[in-house]
Amino acid sequence: MTGESAERVAAVLRTLRPYLGWICCAAGAVLCGLGWYGVSGERYTARQIPYLASATAPGAALLAGGLVLLAARGPAGPDGPEQQRSRRQIDTLYALLTETETQGAATEAGPDAAAAAAPEAGPEPEPGPASGGLLAVAGGSSYHRPGCVLLEGRSDPEPVTPASAAGRGLRPCPLCEPPEA
């Protein structure tokens, strides 16, 4: 098969996948029904086995195959929105689960060394997404850094100061780890 004809066959199969799935499910249900009907009419187990082997087992296999065809999604583009979101979440989890060598060395040396290795904090910026301040969602229980994955897609985060976050009883987000209020 040439590359062009293989692409055509793949496109046709992608188009027919849901229809084939429904056909397999329907055929499997019919075979399971026929197998049940045959088994229900036989009193002895030895006479029921042929119905199980010739109708019910293949019917169950067709049902499973049809459900797989219905559940399978076609290959998505490498830069689709779902893939980008998943990639961002994986990167965030990776950053949370790994630490740099300087953080690891400071932690092993003790809390005094960790405090000495930490950069000095400058003046606290004004809250707001543009300045890198803290954000909270109305009715939420935690505050976040701008760009936190948990705020993604939310249109209602509001800027908060550390003092107002502490006054509202908000705790730091465990994912983006903003500074303690």
Protein backbone atom coordinates (compact mmCIF):
# COMPACT_ATOMS: atom_id res chain seq x y z
CA MET A 1 0.00 0.00 0.00
CA THR A 2 1.27 3.42 -0.82
CA GLY A 3 1.31 6.21 1.72
CA GLU A 4 -1.61 7.99 0.09
CA SER A 5 -3.85 4.92 -0.03
CA ALA A 6 -2.98 4.05 3.58
CA GLU A 7 -4.05 7.55 4.62
CA ARG A 8 -7.35 7.11 2.75
CA VAL A 9 -8.02 3.78 4.45
CA ALA A 10 -7.21 5.30 7.85
CA ALA A 11 -9.55 8.23 7.15
CA VAL A 12 -12.36 5.87 6.12
CA LEU A 13 -11.87 3.75 9.24
CA ARG A 14 -11.91 6.87 11.46
CA THR A 15 -15.17 7.90 9.82
CA LEU A 16 -16.73 4.45 10.15
CA ARG A 17 -15.48 3.75 13.69
CA PRO A 18 -18.66 4.85 15.52
CA TYR A 19 -20.91 2.97 13.08
CA LEU A 20 -18.82 -0.18 13.38
CA GLY A 21 -18.97 0.19 17.16
CA TRP A 22 -22.77 0.36 17.16
CA ILE A 23 -23.02 -2.57 14.73
CA CYS A 24 -20.71 -4.70 16.92
CA CYS A 25 -22.70 -3.78 20.05
CA ALA A 26 -25.99 -4.64 18.36
CA ALA A 27 -24.67 -7.97 17.01
CA GLY A 28 -23.20 -8.80 20.42
CA ALA A 29 -26.49 -8.04 22.17
CA VAL A 30 -28.38 -10.24 19.69
CA LEU A 31 -25.92 -13.11 20.18
CA CYS A 32 -26.10 -12.78 23.98
CA GLY A 33 -29.89 -12.81 23.75
CA LEU A 34 -29.87 -15.91 21.54
CA GLY A 35 -27.41 -17.63 23.89
CA TRP A 36 -29.58 -16.81 26.90
CA TYR A 37 -32.68 -18.06 25.09
CA GLY A 38 -30.94 -21.33 24.18
CA VAL A 39 -29.57 -21.87 27.68
CA SER A 40 -32.92 -21.09 29.30
CA GLY A 41 -34.61 -23.85 27.30
CA GLU A 42 -32.16 -26.55 28.40
CA ARG A 43 -32.36 -28.24 31.76
CA TYR A 44 -29.00 -29.98 31.77
CA THR A 45 -25.70 -28.15 31.93
CA ALA A 46 -24.13 -30.33 29.25
CA ARG A 47 -26.75 -29.12 26.76
CA GLN A 48 -26.28 -25.47 27.78
CA ILE A 49 -22.54 -25.33 27.02
CA PRO A 50 -22.90 -25.23 23.21
CA TYR A 51 -25.13 -22.13 23.51
CA LEU A 52 -22.59 -20.47 25.78
CA ALA A 53 -19.69 -21.31 23.48
CA SER A 54 -21.36 -20.50 20.17
CA ALA A 55 -23.49 -17.46 21.07
CA THR A 56 -22.95 -15.93 24.50
CA ALA A 57 -19.12 -15.80 24.55
CA PRO A 58 -18.79 -14.33 21.03
CA GLY A 59 -21.65 -11.96 21.82
CA ALA A 60 -19.84 -10.69 24.90
CA ALA A 61 -16.65 -10.27 22.85
CA LEU A 62 -18.55 -8.29 20.20
CA LEU A 63 -20.09 -6.10 22.90
CA ALA A 64 -16.67 -5.39 24.38
CA GLY A 65 -15.16 -4.68 20.96
CA GLY A 66 -18.04 -2.40 20.02
CA LEU A 67 -17.68 -0.45 23.26
CA VAL A 68 -13.95 -0.05 22.61
CA LEU A 69 -14.69 1.28 19.13
CA LEU A 70 -17.25 3.71 20.52
CA ALA A 71 -14.98 4.89 23.33
CA ALA A 72 -11.85 5.25 21.21
CA ARG A 73 -11.08 8.75 20.10
CA GLY A 74 -9.15 9.47 16.99
CA PRO A 75 -5.64 10.78 17.24
CA ALA A 76 -5.72 14.39 18.37
CA GLY A 77 -3.36 16.97 17.06
CA PRO A 78 -0.12 17.39 19.00
CA ASP A 79 -0.95 21.00 19.90
CA GLY A 80 -4.65 20.72 20.68
CA PRO A 81 -6.00 22.56 23.72
CA GLU A 82 -6.36 19.36 25.74
CA GLN A 83 -2.75 18.38 25.07
CA GLN A 84 -1.50 21.86 25.98
CA ARG A 85 -3.47 21.84 29.24
CA SER A 86 -2.24 18.35 30.10
CA ARG A 87 1.33 19.36 29.32
CA ARG A 88 1.05 22.41 31.62
CA GLN A 89 -0.38 20.28 34.42
CA ILE A 90 2.39 17.69 34.03
CA ASP A 91 5.02 20.43 34.08
CA THR A 92 3.50 21.89 37.23
CA LEU A 93 3.41 18.49 38.93
CA TYR A 94 6.99 17.82 37.89
CA ALA A 95 8.11 21.14 39.36
CA LEU A 96 6.27 20.35 42.59
CA LEU A 97 7.70 16.85 42.90
CA THR A 98 11.30 17.73 42.12
CA GLU A 99 13.59 20.18 43.78
CA THR A 100 16.72 21.85 42.55
CA GLU A 101 20.13 20.87 43.87
CA THR A 102 20.46 24.06 45.89
CA GLN A 103 17.16 23.45 47.65
CA GLY A 104 18.12 19.84 48.39
CA ALA A 105 21.59 20.79 49.68
CA ALA A 106 20.16 23.56 51.89
CA THR A 107 17.56 21.19 53.32
CA GLU A 108 20.16 18.53 54.10
CA ALA A 109 22.45 21.07 55.80
CA GLY A 110 19.70 22.14 58.21
CA PRO A 111 17.17 24.92 58.69
CA ASP A 112 19.83 27.62 59.33
CA ALA A 113 21.55 26.81 56.03
CA ALA A 114 18.20 26.81 54.23
CA ALA A 115 17.43 30.27 55.62
CA ALA A 116 20.88 31.51 54.60
CA ALA A 117 20.50 30.08 51.08
CA ALA A 118 17.09 31.67 50.61
CA PRO A 119 17.19 35.01 48.82
CA GLU A 120 16.31 38.07 50.84
CA ALA A 121 12.72 39.13 50.37
CA GLY A 122 12.30 42.61 48.97
CA PRO A 123 9.37 44.92 49.55
CA GLU A 124 6.05 43.19 49.07
CA PRO A 125 4.46 44.05 45.70
CA GLU A 126 1.00 45.46 45.47
CA PRO A 127 -1.60 42.74 44.88
CA GLY A 128 -2.83 42.09 41.39
CA PRO A 129 -2.15 39.81 38.46
CA ALA A 130 0.15 42.26 36.67
CA SER A 131 2.41 42.86 39.65
CA GLY A 132 2.64 39.22 40.80
CA GLY A 133 0.46 39.72 43.91
CA LEU A 134 -1.89 37.21 45.49
CA LEU A 135 -5.32 36.22 44.20
CA ALA A 136 -8.35 34.64 45.83
CA VAL A 137 -11.72 33.43 44.56
CA ALA A 138 -14.87 34.64 46.28
CA GLY A 139 -16.06 31.89 48.61
CA GLY A 140 -12.77 30.01 48.30
CA SER A 141 -10.65 28.76 51.17
CA SER A 142 -7.17 29.48 49.78
CA TYR A 143 -5.17 32.19 48.04
CA HIS A 144 -2.97 31.71 44.98
CA ARG A 145 -0.16 33.14 42.91
CA PRO A 146 -1.15 34.56 39.51
CA GLY A 147 -0.97 31.82 36.90
CA CYS A 148 -1.92 29.04 39.33
CA VAL A 149 -3.47 26.08 37.50
CA LEU A 150 -6.41 26.10 39.92
CA LEU A 151 -7.34 29.61 38.75
CA GLU A 152 -7.15 28.68 35.08
CA GLY A 153 -10.39 29.50 33.31
CA ARG A 154 -11.79 31.42 36.29
CA SER A 155 -12.95 34.95 35.62
CA ASP A 156 -13.58 35.94 39.24
CA PRO A 157 -10.21 35.91 41.08
CA GLU A 158 -9.70 39.10 43.06
CA PRO A 159 -6.44 40.59 44.34
CA VAL A 160 -5.77 40.13 48.07
CA THR A 161 -3.04 41.31 50.38
CA PRO A 162 -1.42 38.93 52.84
CA ALA A 163 -3.17 40.79 55.68
CA SER A 164 -6.61 40.50 54.08
CA ALA A 165 -5.98 36.81 53.25
CA ALA A 166 -5.10 36.14 56.89
CA GLY A 167 -8.13 38.15 58.03
CA ARG A 168 -10.44 36.07 55.82
CA GLY A 169 -8.91 32.84 57.14
CA LEU A 170 -7.50 31.84 53.74
CA ARG A 171 -4.67 29.35 53.61
CA PRO A 172 -1.94 29.15 50.95
CA CYS A 173 -2.65 27.05 47.87
CA PRO A 174 -0.82 23.70 48.14
CA LEU A 175 -0.17 23.70 44.40
CA CYS A 176 1.37 27.13 43.67
CA GLU A 177 2.70 27.64 47.23
CA PRO A 178 2.31 31.40 47.67
CA PRO A 179 4.09 33.03 50.61
CA GLU A 180 2.48 32.61 54.02
CA ALA A 181 0.07 35.42 54.93
